[in-house]
Amino acid sequence: MGNLSELFLNHTASSHLDFHVWSSTTFGLHVVAAVFNLSLLIAVLNDRTSHPGPRLLIANLAFSSFLLSTIFLLPIDVGVHTGYRIPCAPYYVGFHLTMVVCSWADVALSVNRVIAICFPHHYDRCKTVKVSLILAIAPWLLAAVFVILAELKIGSVFVLAAGRGCSKRLLNRLGTFLNFMEVIGPCVIVVLASLVVFYSTQLRKRKDSSGDMVSVRLTRLIRRRLIIAKAMGLSALWCILCVAPPTVIVNLYPQVLSIHPTMGKWLRTTTVAEYAVNPVIYFVIRKAYLASLKRAILGCDVYRRHEVSRSLSPTNPVSKRLASAQSPPPANTQ
């Protein structure tokens, strides 16, 4: 069976126009991925509306995605475009490491959300920086294990690929299983965790029909925590949409790449698209990140003056209500 890394390193010549269309699209996505992942990292670190624990996990996801899309994926595509030989031993190990980290960082976040929503009474002990730091470091340690196993030729091995860079060759069923657990397995785990979270939320809504005030307050708290869970679920679905096509074609229909060499390049682009769109999902679902990013860009003082001036504007409905409440009652002329 093949593996996804071959799509990044094997390049077959095609029409001049098609190659430039692909390279322009791919490099554009690289720019988008770099800008949005860095923006998400800044927004999360500057956000003060959520707990430090989830912020740390999302920052870890944004940082690893930024590292992968700019430091590793971009040079690979530049190498394809220019014919430059990518160093195998140090470079591809880093690429492989960060790719696994990106996949399992979502799993770490899903663990946090499952506890926050399904076991809210135990969340106070799990939302601390110490626990979140353990969850953030775990994907890096797990990725290091995958890389060490490949270096020891257990299940797979790094080999030169078509004279340019290197690829990972699967040696047996263990290698196939490990390859599955590097990218696709984490996406499946996050999707299952999202289903558990949303099912638990629906059950709680039914229980709250009694009108118990404690239960209602708990449901409101869970709904706020559900915002990040929604982004997590959409991110996992987007991951599967981007990873499934190249996985199916490489492993089940590898002859298609020989018949249609152009397809190999565009399948590489789906991976870049995954990391370009993923931070956008978090910005769309959680509006507080946009405000946090704006504060970081404009500066806290400038942003605060802007918000105060906007709140005191005569056209602001809140300002109108305050003005009407503070104005003296009309004199009685009768």
Foldseek 3Di string as FASTA:
>chain_A
DFALVLLLWDADDDDPVLLVVLLVLLVVLLVLLLVLLVLLLQLLVLFDPDFPLLSLLSNLLSVLLNCLSHVQSVVSSVCNVPVDADDADPRVLSNQLSLLLNLQSLVLSLVLLLCCQVVVVCNVVCRDPVNSVVSSCVSNVVSVVLSVCQPVVNQWHWDCHPPGYIDIGGDDVVVVVSSCNRHVVSLVSLLVSLVSRVVSLVVLVVVCVVVDPVSVVSNVSSVVSCLVSVLSNVLSVLSCVLPVPSVCCVPPPVVVCVVPVSVSSVNSSSVSNSSSCSSVSSCVSDVSSVVSSVCVVCPVVRSVVVVVCVCCDPPHPNNVVVVVVPDDDDDDPD
